[in-house]
Amino acid sequence: MGDERVRRGLRRVHAAGRTAHLANNPHTTYSYWNPRQNAVFIDSVSRWVEDEPTKRHTWELYRKGSPPGVGYDPRGYWRGGPTDPEYHVLRIEPWRVQVLRGRDLRSRIWTAEDGA
């Protein structure tokens, strides 16, 4: 919670391989692509979140349907609620985001130095 800049929590499986990788190198890249060749690339630093207030906050964002189009009832995956031992939150702190429009290959880039 606290700083509400461009940060999002994602539900992820807390697999041993991912945990070890992030412990050694927290720099991550995420991407999205659709058939019209629109794409988004996110360079970031990611870490597992263990504090209960942040885990509850993220739970409520998904339960209430925020951000739009992403919401669902997480209890379908974690019956124990936000304190379920299998429920984990990954904090993603982007430092560079590139949006590429496939129609004309125009690109917009946001960096942390540009501000939120």
Protein backbone atom coordinates (compact mmCIF):
# COMPACT_ATOMS: atom_id res chain seq x y z
CA MET A 1 0.00 0.00 0.00
CA GLY A 2 1.45 3.44 0.66
CA ASP A 3 2.96 4.67 -2.59
CA GLU A 4 0.30 4.29 -5.29
CA ARG A 5 2.50 5.03 -8.32
CA VAL A 6 2.56 2.61 -11.21
CA ARG A 7 2.67 -0.60 -9.20
CA ARG A 8 0.49 -3.65 -9.45
CA GLY A 9 0.23 -6.92 -7.62
CA LEU A 10 -0.35 -10.08 -9.57
CA ARG A 11 -1.42 -13.45 -8.37
CA ARG A 12 1.24 -15.99 -9.17
CA VAL A 13 2.17 -19.48 -8.22
CA HIS A 14 4.98 -19.15 -5.69
CA ALA A 15 7.09 -21.83 -7.37
CA ALA A 16 10.54 -22.61 -6.00
CA GLY A 17 12.20 -21.82 -9.34
CA ARG A 18 10.65 -18.36 -9.57
CA THR A 19 11.43 -17.64 -5.95
CA ALA A 20 15.10 -18.56 -6.39
CA HIS A 21 15.34 -16.59 -9.62
CA LEU A 22 13.88 -13.42 -8.09
CA ALA A 23 16.11 -13.77 -5.05
CA ASN A 24 19.17 -13.79 -7.33
CA ASN A 25 17.93 -11.27 -9.90
CA PRO A 26 14.72 -9.29 -9.31
CA HIS A 27 14.84 -7.60 -12.75
CA THR A 28 11.91 -8.85 -14.83
CA THR A 29 10.30 -8.17 -18.18
CA TYR A 30 6.63 -8.74 -18.96
CA SER A 31 4.97 -8.47 -22.34
CA TYR A 32 1.54 -8.48 -23.93
CA TRP A 33 0.76 -9.02 -27.60
CA ASN A 34 -2.45 -9.26 -29.59
CA PRO A 35 -3.09 -10.44 -33.18
CA ARG A 36 -3.30 -6.85 -34.48
CA GLN A 37 0.39 -6.58 -33.55
CA ASN A 38 -0.23 -4.21 -30.64
CA ALA A 39 2.22 -4.94 -27.86
CA VAL A 40 3.32 -3.74 -24.44
CA PHE A 41 6.71 -4.44 -22.85
CA ILE A 42 7.35 -3.75 -19.17
CA ASP A 43 10.85 -3.72 -17.66
CA SER A 44 10.65 -3.83 -13.89
CA VAL A 45 11.89 -5.02 -10.55
CA SER A 46 9.67 -7.68 -8.96
CA ARG A 47 9.51 -9.12 -5.48
CA TRP A 48 7.23 -11.32 -3.45
CA VAL A 49 5.09 -9.45 -0.93
CA GLU A 50 4.67 -11.07 2.47
CA ASP A 51 2.96 -8.37 4.57
CA GLU A 52 -0.69 -9.07 5.31
CA PRO A 53 -2.08 -5.53 4.69
CA THR A 54 -0.71 -5.47 1.13
CA LYS A 55 -1.92 -9.01 0.45
CA ARG A 56 -5.42 -8.06 1.68
CA HIS A 57 -5.38 -4.86 -0.40
CA THR A 58 -4.45 -6.81 -3.54
CA TRP A 59 -7.11 -9.42 -2.75
CA GLU A 60 -9.77 -6.71 -2.55
CA LEU A 61 -8.65 -5.13 -5.84
CA TYR A 62 -9.27 -8.43 -7.63
CA ARG A 63 -12.45 -9.21 -5.72
CA LYS A 64 -13.98 -5.83 -6.54
CA GLY A 65 -12.96 -5.98 -10.19
CA SER A 66 -10.15 -3.45 -10.21
CA PRO A 67 -8.41 -2.74 -12.51
CA PRO A 68 -11.30 -2.94 -15.02
CA GLY A 69 -11.44 -6.20 -16.91
CA VAL A 70 -9.13 -8.04 -14.55
CA GLY A 71 -11.31 -8.62 -11.49
CA TYR A 72 -12.51 -12.01 -10.31
CA ASP A 73 -13.32 -13.64 -7.00
CA PRO A 74 -9.95 -14.99 -5.84
CA ARG A 75 -11.69 -17.33 -3.36
CA GLY A 76 -12.22 -19.66 -6.31
CA TYR A 77 -8.46 -20.26 -6.25
CA TRP A 78 -7.63 -19.71 -2.58
CA ARG A 79 -10.44 -20.95 -0.32
CA GLY A 80 -8.67 -19.62 2.79
CA GLY A 81 -8.92 -16.01 1.64
CA PRO A 82 -6.02 -13.57 1.69
CA THR A 83 -4.33 -15.51 4.50
CA ASP A 84 -4.37 -18.80 2.53
CA PRO A 85 -0.80 -20.16 2.60
CA GLU A 86 -0.96 -20.75 -1.16
CA TYR A 87 -1.92 -17.12 -1.95
CA HIS A 88 1.07 -15.00 -2.97
CA VAL A 89 1.43 -11.50 -4.37
CA LEU A 90 4.17 -10.33 -6.66
CA ARG A 91 4.92 -6.59 -6.54
CA ILE A 92 5.97 -5.25 -9.92
CA GLU A 93 7.73 -1.87 -9.94
CA PRO A 94 8.17 -0.81 -13.57
CA TRP A 95 11.02 1.43 -14.63
CA ARG A 96 10.27 1.33 -18.37
CA VAL A 97 7.04 0.67 -20.29
CA GLN A 98 6.83 0.59 -24.07
CA VAL A 99 3.53 0.54 -25.94
CA LEU A 100 3.79 -0.41 -29.61
CA ARG A 101 0.89 0.13 -32.01
CA GLY A 102 0.96 -2.51 -34.74
CA ARG A 103 -0.98 -0.50 -37.32
CA ASP A 104 1.86 1.96 -37.91
CA LEU A 105 4.56 0.74 -35.49
CA ARG A 106 4.35 3.94 -33.48
CA SER A 107 5.80 3.52 -30.06
CA ARG A 108 5.42 5.36 -26.77
CA ILE A 109 7.87 4.85 -23.96
CA TRP A 110 7.42 5.77 -20.31
CA THR A 111 10.36 5.64 -17.92
CA ALA A 112 10.49 6.14 -14.18
CA GLU A 113 12.63 9.23 -14.76
CA ASP A 114 9.67 10.74 -16.69
CA GLY A 115 7.51 10.51 -13.56
CA ALA A 116 4.26 8.74 -12.85
